[in-house]
Protein backbone atom coordinates (compact mmCIF):
# COMPACT_ATOMS: atom_id res chain seq x y z
CA MET A 1 58.03 -57.75 24.68
CA ASN A 2 58.88 -60.60 27.81
CA LYS A 3 56.98 -58.60 31.02
CA GLN A 4 60.48 -59.82 31.98
CA SER A 5 63.06 -57.35 30.07
CA LYS A 6 64.55 -54.67 32.00
CA ILE A 7 64.93 -51.79 29.80
CA PRO A 8 68.50 -49.45 30.91
CA VAL A 9 67.17 -46.73 32.41
CA SER A 10 69.31 -43.44 32.06
CA SER A 11 67.57 -41.40 35.27
CA PRO A 12 66.74 -42.45 38.78
CA VAL A 13 62.51 -43.84 38.88
CA ARG A 14 60.32 -43.36 41.53
CA ILE A 15 57.57 -45.84 42.52
CA ASP A 16 54.92 -43.48 44.11
CA ALA A 17 53.38 -45.72 46.74
CA TYR A 18 50.59 -44.76 47.78
CA HIS A 19 49.14 -44.53 44.39
CA VAL A 20 50.59 -48.12 43.98
CA ILE A 21 48.46 -49.68 47.08
CA SER A 22 45.67 -47.67 45.91
CA CYS A 23 44.85 -48.44 42.68
CA ALA A 24 45.08 -51.82 43.94
CA VAL A 25 42.80 -51.81 46.77
CA GLU A 26 40.47 -49.60 44.53
CA LYS A 27 40.48 -52.65 41.81
CA GLY A 28 40.01 -54.90 45.01
CA VAL A 29 37.08 -53.65 46.41
CA LEU A 30 35.29 -53.05 42.88
CA CYS A 31 35.75 -57.02 42.20
CA GLY A 32 34.87 -57.85 45.38
CA TRP A 33 31.95 -55.77 45.66
CA ASN A 34 31.45 -57.05 41.39
CA LEU A 35 31.65 -60.89 42.23
CA SER A 36 29.93 -60.78 46.73
CA ARG A 37 26.74 -59.98 43.46
CA LYS A 38 27.32 -62.54 40.55
CA TYR A 39 24.68 -64.45 42.24
CA THR A 40 22.59 -62.74 43.93
CA ASP A 41 20.99 -59.19 43.76
CA GLN A 42 21.53 -58.35 48.02
CA PRO A 43 24.33 -59.91 49.14
CA ASP A 44 24.34 -60.64 53.34
CA GLU A 45 27.49 -58.53 54.36
CA CYS A 46 30.02 -61.30 55.65
CA LEU A 47 29.99 -62.85 51.87
CA LEU A 48 30.37 -59.60 50.81
CA CYS A 49 32.71 -58.45 53.28
CA GLU A 50 35.10 -61.93 52.42
CA GLN A 51 35.16 -61.65 48.90
CA MET A 52 35.95 -57.66 48.75
CA SER A 53 38.88 -58.72 51.88
CA GLU A 54 39.84 -61.85 49.47
CA GLN A 55 40.17 -59.48 45.93
CA VAL A 56 41.67 -56.56 47.37
CA MET A 57 44.55 -58.57 49.18
CA LEU A 58 45.31 -60.78 45.72
CA ALA A 59 45.04 -57.22 43.57
CA LEU A 60 47.62 -56.16 46.34
CA CYS A 61 49.43 -59.21 46.00
CA GLU A 62 49.70 -58.42 41.92
CA VAL A 63 51.89 -54.98 43.13
CA LEU A 64 53.41 -55.82 45.78
CA LYS A 65 56.00 -59.40 46.55
CA PHE A 66 56.23 -60.65 50.04
CA GLU A 67 58.77 -62.28 51.84
CA GLU A 68 57.99 -65.24 53.72
CA VAL A 69 58.84 -65.74 56.47
CA GLU A 70 60.47 -68.47 58.03
CA GLU A 71 59.20 -69.68 61.54
CA GLY A 72 61.43 -70.86 64.56
């Protein structure tokens, strides 16, 4: 089945945005932690923060769609 398929829903559906975002942040933190330790047992703080930030944003982009803002 195609991920974009529309399934008819007969009642209103509400999304728990806090839960969705919380799960994405947790996933990003864990992925960032694991990636920062992939090649070394003692990553420095800068690498750890960089990997965690990048992975959190990637996880958020999987569940949120950010609209592009035109400058000018």
